Amino acid sequence: MAKEKYKKLALSLLFDALGMVTFIIPMIGEFGDVVWAPLAGFLMTKMYQGNVGKAAGVFTFIEEALPGFDVIPTFTIMWLYTYVFKKEKTEDTEDFIEVDAS
């Protein structure tokens, strides 16, 4: 599990760097965004499954397609959300609801 976690972090940093490269190169950057935005959205949905991954994919597509927003590290933010900030329920932390069976 830890190996997969850090593999996703490395990919996230790489993909964010690729997205920023299109921001750095004048005139070519806009064309790069046309190619990179749909690819980035697709990669996000493949890296993070479920509805959260789909929402992040849409957000990534929009962020990469809009001029000037390429500096936002959406892949890294999603990794932080998934592995640092998101609180997963475990058996120790689940709230149990008592049901009166009488």
PDB file of N, CA and C in Angstrom:
ATOM      1  N   MET A   1       0.817  -1.194   0.000  1.00  0.00           N
ATOM      2  CA  MET A   1       0.000   0.000   0.000  1.00  0.00           C
ATOM      3  C   MET A   1       0.863   1.261   0.000  1.00  0.00           C
ATOM      4  N   ALA A   2       1.910   1.284   0.819  1.00  0.00           N
ATOM      5  CA  ALA A   2       2.764   2.467   0.903  1.00  0.00           C
ATOM      6  C   ALA A   2       3.500   2.702  -0.413  1.00  0.00           C
ATOM      7  N   LYS A   3       3.901   1.622  -1.090  1.00  0.00           N
ATOM      8  CA  LYS A   3       4.595   1.757  -2.368  1.00  0.00           C
ATOM      9  C   LYS A   3       3.682   2.409  -3.412  1.00  0.00           C
ATOM     10  N   GLU A   4       2.426   1.990  -3.460  1.00  0.00           N
ATOM     11  CA  GLU A   4       1.439   2.564  -4.392  1.00  0.00           C
ATOM     12  C   GLU A   4       1.193   4.039  -4.073  1.00  0.00           C
ATOM     13  N   LYS A   5       1.144   4.341  -2.789  1.00  0.00           N
ATOM     14  CA  LYS A   5       0.907   5.718  -2.328  1.00  0.00           C
ATOM     15  C   LYS A   5       1.996   6.656  -2.841  1.00  0.00           C
ATOM     16  N   TYR A   6       3.244   6.252  -2.705  1.00  0.00           N
ATOM     17  CA  TYR A   6       4.348   7.114  -3.118  1.00  0.00           C
ATOM     18  C   TYR A   6       4.571   7.090  -4.625  1.00  0.00           C
ATOM     19  N   LYS A   7       4.139   6.029  -5.285  1.00  0.00           N
ATOM     20  CA  LYS A   7       4.163   6.006  -6.747  1.00  0.00           C
ATOM     21  C   LYS A   7       3.187   7.057  -7.280  1.00  0.00           C
ATOM     22  N   LYS A   8       2.010   7.154  -6.661  1.00  0.00           N
ATOM     23  CA  LYS A   8       1.035   8.168  -7.066  1.00  0.00           C
ATOM     24  C   LYS A   8       1.560   9.572  -6.784  1.00  0.00           C
ATOM     25  N   LEU A   9       2.298   9.742  -5.697  1.00  0.00           N
ATOM     26  CA  LEU A   9       2.882  11.051  -5.397  1.00  0.00           C
ATOM     27  C   LEU A   9       3.886  11.443  -6.471  1.00  0.00           C
ATOM     28  N   ALA A  10       4.745  10.507  -6.862  1.00  0.00           N
ATOM     29  CA  ALA A  10       5.734  10.794  -7.905  1.00  0.00           C
ATOM     30  C   ALA A  10       5.047  11.142  -9.229  1.00  0.00           C
ATOM     31  N   LEU A  11       4.027  10.380  -9.589  1.00  0.00           N
ATOM     32  CA  LEU A  11       3.280  10.675 -10.815  1.00  0.00           C
ATOM     33  C   LEU A  11       2.585  12.028 -10.717  1.00  0.00           C
ATOM     34  N   SER A  12       2.035  12.336  -9.549  1.00  0.00           N
ATOM     35  CA  SER A  12       1.363  13.619  -9.356  1.00  0.00           C
ATOM     36  C   SER A  12       2.322  14.783  -9.559  1.00  0.00           C
ATOM     37  N   LEU A  13       3.501  14.683  -8.983  1.00  0.00           N
ATOM     38  CA  LEU A  13       4.502  15.741  -9.147  1.00  0.00           C
ATOM     39  C   LEU A  13       4.928  15.867 -10.607  1.00  0.00           C
ATOM     40  N   LEU A  14       5.097  14.729 -11.290  1.00  0.00           N
ATOM     41  CA  LEU A  14       5.466  14.737 -12.700  1.00  0.00           C
ATOM     42  C   LEU A  14       4.371  15.379 -13.550  1.00  0.00           C
ATOM     43  N   PHE A  15       3.125  14.973 -13.342  1.00  0.00           N
ATOM     44  CA  PHE A  15       2.020  15.508 -14.140  1.00  0.00           C
ATOM     45  C   PHE A  15       1.815  17.003 -13.878  1.00  0.00           C
ATOM     46  N   ASP A  16       1.971  17.432 -12.628  1.00  0.00           N
ATOM     47  CA  ASP A  16       1.865  18.861 -12.338  1.00  0.00           C
ATOM     48  C   ASP A  16       2.993  19.641 -13.023  1.00  0.00           C
ATOM     49  N   ALA A  17       4.193  19.071 -13.040  1.00  0.00           N
ATOM     50  CA  ALA A  17       5.313  19.725 -13.716  1.00  0.00           C
ATOM     51  C   ALA A  17       5.053  19.825 -15.218  1.00  0.00           C
ATOM     52  N   LEU A  18       4.516  18.769 -15.816  1.00  0.00           N
ATOM     53  CA  LEU A  18       4.186  18.804 -17.245  1.00  0.00           C
ATOM     54  C   LEU A  18       3.147  19.879 -17.538  1.00  0.00           C
ATOM     55  N   GLY A  19       2.159  19.998 -16.656  1.00  0.00           N
ATOM     56  CA  GLY A  19       1.143  21.023 -16.837  1.00  0.00           C
ATOM     57  C   GLY A  19       1.713  22.422 -16.728  1.00  0.00           C
ATOM     58  N   MET A  20       2.706  22.611 -15.892  1.00  0.00           N
ATOM     59  CA  MET A  20       3.314  23.932 -15.728  1.00  0.00           C
ATOM     60  C   MET A  20       4.248  24.275 -16.876  1.00  0.00           C
ATOM     61  N   VAL A  21       4.803  23.272 -17.537  1.00  0.00           N
ATOM     62  CA  VAL A  21       5.692  23.528 -18.674  1.00  0.00           C
ATOM     63  C   VAL A  21       4.935  24.248 -19.779  1.00  0.00           C
ATOM     64  N   THR A  22       3.689  23.871 -19.996  1.00  0.00           N
ATOM     65  CA  THR A  22       2.909  24.544 -21.034  1.00  0.00           C
ATOM     66  C   THR A  22       2.653  26.007 -20.669  1.00  0.00           C
ATOM     67  N   PHE A  23       2.692  26.323 -19.387  1.00  0.00           N
ATOM     68  CA  PHE A  23       2.505  27.704 -18.922  1.00  0.00           C
ATOM     69  C   PHE A  23       3.757  28.539 -19.170  1.00  0.00           C
ATOM     70  N   ILE A  24       4.915  27.914 -19.105  1.00  0.00           N
ATOM     71  CA  ILE A  24       6.186  28.621 -19.196  1.00  0.00           C
ATOM     72  C   ILE A  24       6.516  29.021 -20.641  1.00  0.00           C
ATOM     73  N   ILE A  25       6.174  28.169 -21.605  1.00  0.00           N
ATOM     74  CA  ILE A  25       6.552  28.418 -22.996  1.00  0.00           C
ATOM     75  C   ILE A  25       5.528  29.341 -23.658  1.00  0.00           C
ATOM     76  N   PRO A  26       5.921  30.581 -23.985  1.00  0.00           N
ATOM     77  CA  PRO A  26       4.973  31.514 -24.609  1.00  0.00           C
ATOM     78  C   PRO A  26       4.490  31.009 -25.976  1.00  0.00           C
ATOM     79  N   MET A  27       3.249  31.263 -26.280  1.00  0.00           N
ATOM     80  CA  MET A  27       2.576  30.925 -27.535  1.00  0.00           C
ATOM     81  C   MET A  27       2.384  29.414 -27.724  1.00  0.00           C
ATOM     82  N   ILE A  28       3.367  28.628 -27.416  1.00  0.00           N
ATOM     83  CA  ILE A  28       3.235  27.179 -27.554  1.00  0.00           C
ATOM     84  C   ILE A  28       2.393  26.631 -26.410  1.00  0.00           C
ATOM     85  N   GLY A  29       2.403  27.329 -25.299  1.00  0.00           N
ATOM     86  CA  GLY A  29       1.669  26.888 -24.119  1.00  0.00           C
ATOM     87  C   GLY A  29       0.187  26.719 -24.357  1.00  0.00           C
ATOM     88  N   GLU A  30      -0.411  27.620 -25.100  1.00  0.00           N
ATOM     89  CA  GLU A  30      -1.843  27.524 -25.368  1.00  0.00           C
ATOM     90  C   GLU A  30      -2.160  26.272 -26.179  1.00  0.00           C
ATOM     91  N   PHE A  31      -1.325  25.966 -27.169  1.00  0.00           N
ATOM     92  CA  PHE A  31      -1.526  24.750 -27.950  1.00  0.00           C
ATOM     93  C   PHE A  31      -1.292  23.511 -27.076  1.00  0.00           C
ATOM     94  N   GLY A  32      -0.297  23.590 -26.212  1.00  0.00           N
ATOM     95  CA  GLY A  32      -0.016  22.478 -25.303  1.00  0.00           C
ATOM     96  C   GLY A  32      -1.182  22.204 -24.372  1.00  0.00           C
ATOM     97  N   ASP A  33      -1.860  23.257 -23.956  1.00  0.00           N
ATOM     98  CA  ASP A  33      -3.029  23.088 -23.084  1.00  0.00           C
ATOM     99  C   ASP A  33      -4.169  22.377 -23.794  1.00  0.00           C
ATOM    100  N   VAL A  34      -4.308  22.602 -25.089  1.00  0.00           N
ATOM    101  CA  VAL A  34      -5.357  21.926 -25.855  1.00  0.00           C
ATOM    102  C   VAL A  34      -5.137  20.415 -25.830  1.00  0.00           C
ATOM    103  N   VAL A  35      -3.891  20.012 -25.863  1.00  0.00           N
ATOM    104  CA  VAL A  35      -3.563  18.587 -25.814  1.00  0.00           C
ATOM    105  C   VAL A  35      -3.542  18.082 -24.371  1.00  0.00           C
ATOM    106  N   TRP A  36      -2.937  18.860 -23.476  1.00  0.00           N
ATOM    107  CA  TRP A  36      -2.715  18.403 -22.106  1.00  0.00           C
ATOM    108  C   TRP A  36      -3.991  18.366 -21.264  1.00  0.00           C
ATOM    109  N   ALA A  37      -4.901  19.296 -21.431  1.00  0.00           N
ATOM    110  CA  ALA A  37      -6.093  19.378 -20.574  1.00  0.00           C
ATOM    111  C   ALA A  37      -6.934  18.092 -20.603  1.00  0.00           C
ATOM    112  N   PRO A  38      -7.313  17.563 -21.763  1.00  0.00           N
ATOM    113  CA  PRO A  38      -8.098  16.325 -21.740  1.00  0.00           C
ATOM    114  C   PRO A  38      -7.291  15.128 -21.237  1.00  0.00           C
ATOM    115  N   LEU A  39      -6.010  15.110 -21.574  1.00  0.00           N
ATOM    116  CA  LEU A  39      -5.161  14.017 -21.099  1.00  0.00           C
ATOM    117  C   LEU A  39      -5.028  14.061 -19.578  1.00  0.00           C
ATOM    118  N   ALA A  40      -4.844  15.243 -19.023  1.00  0.00           N
ATOM    119  CA  ALA A  40      -4.724  15.394 -17.568  1.00  0.00           C
ATOM    120  C   ALA A  40      -6.009  14.975 -16.862  1.00  0.00           C
ATOM    121  N   GLY A  41      -7.153  15.370 -17.401  1.00  0.00           N
ATOM    122  CA  GLY A  41      -8.429  14.962 -16.818  1.00  0.00           C
ATOM    123  C   GLY A  41      -8.591  13.455 -16.835  1.00  0.00           C
ATOM    124  N   PHE A  42      -8.216  12.826 -17.958  1.00  0.00           N
ATOM    125  CA  PHE A  42      -8.288  11.366 -18.072  1.00  0.00           C
ATOM    126  C   PHE A  42      -7.358  10.685 -17.071  1.00  0.00           C
ATOM    127  N   LEU A  43      -6.123  11.175 -16.973  1.00  0.00           N
ATOM    128  CA  LEU A  43      -5.156  10.584 -16.039  1.00  0.00           C
ATOM    129  C   LEU A  43      -5.635  10.696 -14.592  1.00  0.00           C
ATOM    130  N   MET A  44      -6.261  11.814 -14.260  1.00  0.00           N
ATOM    131  CA  MET A  44      -6.763  11.997 -12.896  1.00  0.00           C
ATOM    132  C   MET A  44      -7.841  10.965 -12.575  1.00  0.00           C
ATOM    133  N   THR A  45      -8.750  10.726 -13.521  1.00  0.00           N
ATOM    134  CA  THR A  45      -9.816   9.737 -13.260  1.00  0.00           C
ATOM    135  C   THR A  45      -9.265   8.329 -13.171  1.00  0.00           C
ATOM    136  N   LYS A  46      -8.161   8.038 -13.843  1.00  0.00           N
ATOM    137  CA  LYS A  46      -7.551   6.709 -13.754  1.00  0.00           C
ATOM    138  C   LYS A  46      -6.756   6.531 -12.465  1.00  0.00           C
ATOM    139  N   MET A  47      -6.153   7.619 -11.976  1.00  0.00           N
ATOM    140  CA  MET A  47      -5.376   7.522 -10.741  1.00  0.00           C
ATOM    141  C   MET A  47      -6.260   7.411  -9.509  1.00  0.00           C
ATOM    142  N   TYR A  48      -7.399   8.096  -9.526  1.00  0.00           N
ATOM    143  CA  TYR A  48      -8.286   8.132  -8.367  1.00  0.00           C
ATOM    144  C   TYR A  48      -9.677   7.695  -8.812  1.00  0.00           C
ATOM    145  N   GLN A  49     -10.071   6.528  -8.370  1.00  0.00           N
ATOM    146  CA  GLN A  49     -11.330   5.920  -8.795  1.00  0.00           C
ATOM    147  C   GLN A  49     -12.524   6.556  -8.088  1.00  0.00           C
ATOM    148  N   GLY A  50     -13.711   6.255  -8.579  1.00  0.00           N
ATOM    149  CA  GLY A  50     -14.946   6.687  -7.940  1.00  0.00           C
ATOM    150  C   GLY A  50     -15.347   8.097  -8.308  1.00  0.00           C
ATOM    151  N   ASN A  51     -16.370   8.575  -7.609  1.00  0.00           N
ATOM    152  CA  ASN A  51     -16.911   9.910  -7.884  1.00  0.00           C
ATOM    153  C   ASN A  51     -15.918  11.021  -7.582  1.00  0.00           C
ATOM    154  N   VAL A  52     -15.086  10.829  -6.568  1.00  0.00           N
ATOM    155  CA  VAL A  52     -14.083  11.842  -6.231  1.00  0.00           C
ATOM    156  C   VAL A  52     -13.080  11.974  -7.364  1.00  0.00           C
ATOM    157  N   GLY A  53     -12.679  10.860  -7.946  1.00  0.00           N
ATOM    158  CA  GLY A  53     -11.755  10.884  -9.078  1.00  0.00           C
ATOM    159  C   GLY A  53     -12.372  11.528 -10.306  1.00  0.00           C
ATOM    160  N   LYS A  54     -13.662  11.247 -10.543  1.00  0.00           N
ATOM    161  CA  LYS A  54     -14.350  11.860 -11.678  1.00  0.00           C
ATOM    162  C   LYS A  54     -14.451  13.374 -11.497  1.00  0.00           C
ATOM    163  N   ALA A  55     -14.809  13.807 -10.299  1.00  0.00           N
ATOM    164  CA  ALA A  55     -14.906  15.247 -10.028  1.00  0.00           C
ATOM    165  C   ALA A  55     -13.537  15.906 -10.168  1.00  0.00           C
ATOM    166  N   ALA A  56     -12.503  15.251  -9.657  1.00  0.00           N
ATOM    167  CA  ALA A  56     -11.148  15.797  -9.776  1.00  0.00           C
ATOM    168  C   ALA A  56     -10.709  15.841 -11.236  1.00  0.00           C
ATOM    169  N   GLY A  57     -11.116  14.854 -12.031  1.00  0.00           N
ATOM    170  CA  GLY A  57     -10.797  14.850 -13.455  1.00  0.00           C
ATOM    171  C   GLY A  57     -11.416  16.023 -14.182  1.00  0.00           C
ATOM    172  N   VAL A  58     -12.666  16.313 -13.881  1.00  0.00           N
ATOM    173  CA  VAL A  58     -13.349  17.462 -14.494  1.00  0.00           C
ATOM    174  C   VAL A  58     -12.675  18.759 -14.061  1.00  0.00           C
ATOM    175  N   PHE A  59     -12.388  18.877 -12.775  1.00  0.00           N
ATOM    176  CA  PHE A  59     -11.718  20.074 -12.270  1.00  0.00           C
ATOM    177  C   PHE A  59     -10.349  20.252 -12.921  1.00  0.00           C
ATOM    178  N   THR A  60      -9.599  19.154 -13.052  1.00  0.00           N
ATOM    179  CA  THR A  60      -8.273  19.206 -13.668  1.00  0.00           C
ATOM    180  C   THR A  60      -8.369  19.641 -15.122  1.00  0.00           C
ATOM    181  N   PHE A  61      -9.342  19.083 -15.849  1.00  0.00           N
ATOM    182  CA  PHE A  61      -9.537  19.477 -17.246  1.00  0.00           C
ATOM    183  C   PHE A  61      -9.788  20.977 -17.359  1.00  0.00           C
ATOM    184  N   ILE A  62     -10.692  21.483 -16.533  1.00  0.00           N
ATOM    185  CA  ILE A  62     -11.035  22.910 -16.588  1.00  0.00           C
ATOM    186  C   ILE A  62      -9.835  23.769 -16.195  1.00  0.00           C
ATOM    187  N   GLU A  63      -9.147  23.361 -15.135  1.00  0.00           N
ATOM    188  CA  GLU A  63      -7.984  24.126 -14.649  1.00  0.00           C
ATOM    189  C   GLU A  63      -6.883  24.179 -15.705  1.00  0.00           C
ATOM    190  N   GLU A  64      -6.632  23.074 -16.376  1.00  0.00           N
ATOM    191  CA  GLU A  64      -5.579  23.043 -17.395  1.00  0.00           C
ATOM    192  C   GLU A  64      -6.010  23.763 -18.679  1.00  0.00           C
ATOM    193  N   ALA A  65      -7.292  23.775 -18.981  1.00  0.00           N
ATOM    194  CA  ALA A  65      -7.777  24.414 -20.207  1.00  0.00           C
ATOM    195  C   ALA A  65      -7.817  25.940 -20.095  1.00  0.00           C
ATOM    196  N   LEU A  66      -8.057  26.452 -18.899  1.00  0.00           N
ATOM    197  CA  LEU A  66      -8.134  27.898 -18.717  1.00  0.00           C
ATOM    198  C   LEU A  66      -6.739  28.512 -18.698  1.00  0.00           C
ATOM    199  N   PRO A  67      -6.532  29.578 -19.437  1.00  0.00           N
ATOM    200  CA  PRO A  67      -5.215  30.222 -19.440  1.00  0.00           C
ATOM    201  C   PRO A  67      -4.896  30.849 -18.086  1.00  0.00           C
ATOM    202  N   GLY A  68      -3.653  30.664 -17.654  1.00  0.00           N
ATOM    203  CA  GLY A  68      -3.200  31.286 -16.418  1.00  0.00           C
ATOM    204  C   GLY A  68      -3.374  30.452 -15.164  1.00  0.00           C
ATOM    205  N   PHE A  69      -4.084  29.353 -15.252  1.00  0.00           N
ATOM    206  CA  PHE A  69      -4.325  28.523 -14.073  1.00  0.00           C
ATOM    207  C   PHE A  69      -3.424  27.293 -14.012  1.00  0.00           C
ATOM    208  N   ASP A  70      -2.485  27.186 -14.929  1.00  0.00           N
ATOM    209  CA  ASP A  70      -1.610  26.015 -14.994  1.00  0.00           C
ATOM    210  C   ASP A  70      -0.717  25.862 -13.770  1.00  0.00           C
ATOM    211  N   VAL A  71      -0.552  26.914 -13.001  1.00  0.00           N
ATOM    212  CA  VAL A  71       0.337  26.849 -11.847  1.00  0.00           C
ATOM    213  C   VAL A  71      -0.287  26.116 -10.660  1.00  0.00           C
ATOM    214  N   ILE A  72      -1.574  25.818 -10.719  1.00  0.00           N
ATOM    215  CA  ILE A  72      -2.238  25.101  -9.626  1.00  0.00           C
ATOM    216  C   ILE A  72      -1.875  23.618  -9.722  1.00  0.00           C
ATOM    217  N   PRO A  73      -1.254  23.054  -8.684  1.00  0.00           N
ATOM    218  CA  PRO A  73      -0.835  21.649  -8.726  1.00  0.00           C
ATOM    219  C   PRO A  73      -1.988  20.694  -8.358  1.00  0.00           C
ATOM    220  N   THR A  74      -2.923  20.516  -9.275  1.00  0.00           N
ATOM    221  CA  THR A  74      -4.133  19.750  -8.956  1.00  0.00           C
ATOM    222  C   THR A  74      -3.855  18.290  -8.630  1.00  0.00           C
ATOM    223  N   PHE A  75      -2.901  17.665  -9.308  1.00  0.00           N
ATOM    224  CA  PHE A  75      -2.598  16.265  -9.016  1.00  0.00           C
ATOM    225  C   PHE A  75      -2.045  16.119  -7.595  1.00  0.00           C
ATOM    226  N   THR A  76      -1.155  17.022  -7.220  1.00  0.00           N
ATOM    227  CA  THR A  76      -0.574  16.966  -5.871  1.00  0.00           C
ATOM    228  C   THR A  76      -1.613  17.297  -4.812  1.00  0.00           C
ATOM    229  N   ILE A  77      -2.487  18.238  -5.096  1.00  0.00           N
ATOM    230  CA  ILE A  77      -3.565  18.564  -4.155  1.00  0.00           C
ATOM    231  C   ILE A  77      -4.474  17.357  -3.958  1.00  0.00           C
ATOM    232  N   MET A  78      -4.775  16.649  -5.041  1.00  0.00           N
ATOM    233  CA  MET A  78      -5.620  15.455  -4.935  1.00  0.00           C
ATOM    234  C   MET A  78      -4.912  14.368  -4.135  1.00  0.00           C
ATOM    235  N   TRP A  79      -3.603  14.224  -4.313  1.00  0.00           N
ATOM    236  CA  TRP A  79      -2.851  13.242  -3.540  1.00  0.00           C
ATOM    237  C   TRP A  79      -2.891  13.601  -2.051  1.00  0.00           C
ATOM    238  N   LEU A  80      -2.692  14.881  -1.741  1.00  0.00           N
ATOM    239  CA  LEU A  80      -2.759  15.323  -0.344  1.00  0.00           C
ATOM    240  C   LEU A  80      -4.146  15.076   0.240  1.00  0.00           C
ATOM    241  N   TYR A  81      -5.182  15.376  -0.535  1.00  0.00           N
ATOM    242  CA  TYR A  81      -6.546  15.130  -0.072  1.00  0.00           C
ATOM    243  C   TYR A  81      -6.752  13.642   0.220  1.00  0.00           C
ATOM    244  N   THR A  82      -6.310  12.798  -0.676  1.00  0.00           N
ATOM    245  CA  THR A  82      -6.541  11.357  -0.553  1.00  0.00           C
ATOM    246  C   THR A  82      -5.751  10.734   0.585  1.00  0.00           C
ATOM    247  N   TYR A  83      -4.478  11.088   0.711  1.00  0.00           N
ATOM    248  CA  TYR A  83      -3.606  10.381   1.647  1.00  0.00           C
ATOM    249  C   TYR A  83      -3.262  11.140   2.922  1.00  0.00           C
ATOM    250  N   VAL A  84      -3.552  12.439   2.987  1.00  0.00           N
ATOM    251  CA  VAL A  84      -3.199  13.204   4.187  1.00  0.00           C
ATOM    252  C   VAL A  84      -4.441  13.743   4.894  1.00  0.00           C
ATOM    253  N   PHE A  85      -5.318  14.422   4.161  1.00  0.00           N
ATOM    254  CA  PHE A  85      -6.433  15.119   4.795  1.00  0.00           C
ATOM    255  C   PHE A  85      -7.705  14.292   4.936  1.00  0.00           C
ATOM    256  N   LYS A  86      -7.955  13.378   4.019  1.00  0.00           N
ATOM    257  CA  LYS A  86      -9.182  12.588   4.047  1.00  0.00           C
ATOM    258  C   LYS A  86      -9.151  11.634   5.234  1.00  0.00           C
ATOM    259  N   LYS A  87     -10.203  11.673   6.010  1.00  0.00           N
ATOM    260  CA  LYS A  87     -10.275  10.795   7.170  1.00  0.00           C
ATOM    261  C   LYS A  87     -11.045   9.541   6.771  1.00  0.00           C
ATOM    262  N   GLU A  88     -10.339   8.416   6.772  1.00  0.00           N
ATOM    263  CA  GLU A  88     -10.985   7.161   6.436  1.00  0.00           C
ATOM    264  C   GLU A  88     -11.527   6.521   7.702  1.00  0.00           C
ATOM    265  N   LYS A  89     -12.696   5.926   7.561  1.00  0.00           N
ATOM    266  CA  LYS A  89     -13.283   5.251   8.709  1.00  0.00           C
ATOM    267  C   LYS A  89     -12.636   3.884   8.893  1.00  0.00           C
ATOM    268  N   THR A  90     -12.312   3.587  10.124  1.00  0.00           N
ATOM    269  CA  THR A  90     -11.809   2.266  10.472  1.00  0.00           C
ATOM    270  C   THR A  90     -12.730   1.690  11.531  1.00  0.00           C
ATOM    271  N   GLU A  91     -12.482   0.453  11.894  1.00  0.00           N
ATOM    272  CA  GLU A  91     -13.338  -0.174  12.906  1.00  0.00           C
ATOM    273  C   GLU A  91     -13.267   0.578  14.230  1.00  0.00           C
ATOM    274  N   ASP A  92     -12.117   1.167  14.532  1.00  0.00           N
ATOM    275  CA  ASP A  92     -11.953   1.878  15.797  1.00  0.00           C
ATOM    276  C   ASP A  92     -12.658   3.230  15.810  1.00  0.00           C
ATOM    277  N   THR A  93     -12.821   3.843  14.641  1.00  0.00           N
ATOM    278  CA  THR A  93     -13.366   5.197  14.615  1.00  0.00           C
ATOM    279  C   THR A  93     -14.792   5.283  14.094  1.00  0.00           C
ATOM    280  N   GLU A  94     -15.377   4.152  13.685  1.00  0.00           N
ATOM    281  CA  GLU A  94     -16.749   4.205  13.179  1.00  0.00           C
ATOM    282  C   GLU A  94     -17.715   4.540  14.292  1.00  0.00           C
ATOM    283  N   ASP A  95     -18.705   5.327  13.950  1.00  0.00           N
ATOM    284  CA  ASP A  95     -19.759   5.643  14.892  1.00  0.00           C
ATOM    285  C   ASP A  95     -20.816   4.555  14.788  1.00  0.00           C
ATOM    286  N   PHE A  96     -21.128   3.965  15.893  1.00  0.00           N
ATOM    287  CA  PHE A  96     -22.136   2.929  15.900  1.00  0.00           C
ATOM    288  C   PHE A  96     -23.450   3.510  16.377  1.00  0.00           C
ATOM    289  N   ILE A  97     -24.493   3.183  15.673  1.00  0.00           N
ATOM    290  CA  ILE A  97     -25.822   3.653  16.036  1.00  0.00           C
ATOM    291  C   ILE A  97     -26.552   2.486  16.698  1.00  0.00           C
ATOM    292  N   GLU A  98     -26.968   2.721  17.888  1.00  0.00           N
ATOM    293  CA  GLU A  98     -27.697   1.674  18.595  1.00  0.00           C
ATOM    294  C   GLU A  98     -29.148   1.690  18.162  1.00  0.00           C
ATOM    295  N   VAL A  99     -29.660   0.520  17.862  1.00  0.00           N
ATOM    296  CA  VAL A  99     -31.046   0.387  17.435  1.00  0.00           C
ATOM    297  C   VAL A  99     -31.777  -0.391  18.523  1.00  0.00           C
ATOM    298  N   ASP A 100     -32.860   0.185  18.980  1.00  0.00           N
ATOM    299  CA  ASP A 100     -33.666  -0.470  20.007  1.00  0.00           C
ATOM    300  C   ASP A 100     -34.547  -1.510  19.325  1.00  0.00           C
ATOM    301  N   ALA A 101     -34.289  -2.775  19.600  1.00  0.00           N
ATOM    302  CA  ALA A 101     -35.008  -3.866  18.937  1.00  0.00           C
ATOM    303  C   ALA A 101     -36.302  -4.247  19.651  1.00  0.00           C
ATOM    304  N   SER A 102     -36.667  -3.559  20.721  1.00  0.00           N
ATOM    305  CA  SER A 102     -37.873  -3.964  21.444  1.00  0.00           C
ATOM    306  C   SER A 102     -39.145  -3.383  20.898  1.00  0.00           C
TER     307      SER A 102
END
